[in-house]
Amino acid sequence: MPKIRTLVLLGLSMLVAPTYAAAQAPPDPDYVRRPLFETYADFRDALDAATGIGDAATRTAAVDVLWQDLTNAGQTPFAVGNRVAFLYRGAATSVGWRGDFNRWGVAAGVKLGQSDVWIHEATFPSDARTDYKVFLNGSNWVLDPANPLQMWGGFGPNSELRMPSYEYPQETIRKAGVARGTLTPPIRFASQNLGNALNYRVYTPAGYELGELANLPTVYVTDGHEYAADHLGSMAAVMDNLIAEGTLAPAIAVFIDPRDPATGQNLRAELYLANAEFADFVADELMPTIDAAFRTDARREARTILGTSYGGFFSAYFGAYRSDAVRNLALQSPALSLPLIDVYANYPLQGQNIVMTGGTFGDDTNPNALADALTAAGYDFSYEKVNDGHSWGAWRAQLDSVLLKTVGPPIPEPSTAALGMSSLGLVSLSGLLLGRGHAVRD
């Protein structure tokens, strides 16, 4: 079996995510942004009038009233149409905003007159969503104190902006009356390939425990501890809802936790970036174990590998290196390298079912490059972009589409390309150079 012997990391930063102390609340699906001003110009007129008052006491009173109106209406930040004003009120030497929308750079705020109100104005698509933080005094990152909306990520919560036409992903909400599947406690696996242990959890759909379901497709999920969490990926809830609706075939999900069971250290960069031993663990140890313990369809055509960011890299890598083990590759905002993209451009992997997602806020450079290569090489693939960033807010909202394009559709008869690929066996990626991939936060 071919191994990767030379791993040269040139551009992928080895970031790890902390362990969560406790489960967190999911995003608020019922948040309402009530109309307050008919146009953006009306809002600016009111804001300028209040902050431009000369007398300090009168100005403060006027700003107090306007600020209360904005917060009561859910309009901080203020947004109408495709215009948005990020707002902060308080004493500071400087105020900025950092988020997915500017690749976490600094969008400088402007202080309005002699008031304590700061503003940054921008234009976004009317259905956009983005994570952000307020950046105070050139050093202090804080949640927006006037905005109750938050979206959690690998490094904790961020404030969340939902533009007026944004639609909350209803399939991520746990709904009364929907039969729930079962999620096992963490199961420890001592891997011979890795030389250490990892935990995983298994989701089985409602009805499985009654013996009614068999020959089920299986989704193997990297960063499984986050995909399974209701405040992050919300994947169990999504599967419950789609299966109950009859739009998704009942399926099993295996949530692989990259954290060291003993220390809690997150090993995702070490495991996901062209690690042949981790790929062999999944293909040769974990998959046979799941097939033996659960009523799965063990064909490669019935298996999906799903991941985001570095996990998306692993989905692409695994789909090439262990094409004998899986057909359906789900890549959410993948952090790719040009050499890995070249593998898909130059090897006969057209029989793989590739489903990819990305965001328009600084999150589509790598997916775009892979999409171009796949198109040029004659692949039939799916690539969906939304007006969002590198965030669980985007990934959870696209899960329904990803699952329906991997698990959901009937599996076609193997094509000539697929048969040719299978007969080749494993793709040799010895000496694969990992270069020029972007650094990611999660």
Foldseek 3Di string as FASTA:
>chain_A
DFAADDEDEAAADDDFFFDDPDADDAWDQPDAQADDDPDPVVVVVLVLVLLVDDDPVSSVVSVVVVLVVCLVNLPQQNADAFKTKHKAFDDAPWKFKAWLQAPRDTQTWDDRHPHRMTIGMDGAHQQFKIFMFMQTHNHDTHERPSHPTWAADRHGITHMDGGPNHHAQPLLDQDPPQDFWDKDDWDWDCDPLVNAIWTKIKTFGPPVVVVPDAAAFEEEEECLVQCVRSRFNSPRSNLSSCVSVVQFDGHMYMRTQQAHPVPRTRCLVVQQQSHVSNLCCVQPPVLVVCVVVGRHNQAQLRYEYEYEASSLQNLLNSCQQQVRRHQEGEYELYQAAPLSLVCLLPPLNLQHEYEYEFEPSPRCPVVVSSVVSCVVSPHDYHYYYDHYGRGSSVNSSCVNVSSCSRRNDDRDDRDPSSVVSVVVGGHHCHPRYGDDGHYDDD
